Amino acid sequence: MLVVGPQAITGNAKTGIPAAFSMPSNVELAHFNAIRGMDCWKEVDAIVVIGRNQPPLEEVEAIARSLFLTDDEPMQFAENWTTEVRGYRMRDKKERIGVDVVVHPDQRVQAVHEQLREHESQQAIDRLRLVHGERPKRVYLSSNIPLDIDVDRIVNWNEMVHGGDRIEQAWNQLEGVLPMAPDLLATTFPALWASRDAAKADARRWRKKGRFTNIFSIGNMTLFRHEYRAAKSKQRRWSWCISDSADAETTRLRLEALLGAVEMRSANKAPKARNVRDQRRRKPHLRARRPSHKIRRPKSLGRSTEARRA
């Protein structure tokens, strides 16, 4: 793994600045402004980019002044940064997430600013040579600056250091199965959910998404949804759970170790309708629609002149 950040955190061996923390032997450290063109980390499996390279306002304006000195349009200097909303390029196009970032009011100064800030983080990511990589690699950005990359997931710091969101943290504490009943989640994991409503909201959100990513592995974990209820119960509504096994019997045994005797039901989609009338009942948009206006019959043309004379 490669860790890149400000030299105050990752250290600088040339100037004798020590790293702010100790790392395992399989982790290499590097700092901003000393990574461009480096090809020695192309075999690394993952990278963590800590923070961002954010130079002071005066330094950015000084560089821009030297580059655009002869421009006809005078430069616009500022006493402080301004902010604007920028969005992340999420891999799931349905997700629309943005954040306030500091920018400069002069577009030329802002162009220099992005070369020093955004592009320095992207240079760090490029050290893994992802374009030519033969295996999947992980990129962790501990910064909220949107970059020119596809983002799979956004988490806060607590989720990052504790193994994911609350559903994932609960999953990590059990053995291959997690009942998703809100009451059970709130009572079993009171440190994660203070109320049933909070657990219900997380379960509903996860059900819509359909999966979660184990942030401490290279690939995505494949999970399966099953439905269950207490054995010989009069409960009409089935509860559901997630399991790392597609086998219902294996999941049942794991659930019984937690909840006691249960019975399982397939969680597959409802069977297809058998006839057209049933299809219309299941899918209202297939129902025959009446015309929006009445269809009038044409008026009688009457008998011809010859017929009347006869």
Foldseek 3Di string as FASTA:
>chain_A
DEEEEACCAQNDVVVPRHHPDDDDPLYYYDYFPPQAPDQPQQPPQEYEYEEWQQDDLVVLVVVLCVVCVPPPDDFDHDPDWDWDKDWAQAPPVVDTDIDIDTAHPGPSSRVSRCCRTQVRVVSRVCSNVVVPDPDFGYYHYNYRDHHPDHDHDDDHPVQVVQFHALVRNVVVVADFKDWQQLVCSCVVCVVRDVDSVVSVVVSVVCVVVVADAGPVDRDRQDKDKWWKDAPPDPDPDITMMIGSDPDPVVRQVRVCVPPNHMDTDGPDDDDDDDDLVRNCVVPVVSDDDDDPDDDDDDDDPDDDPVVVVD
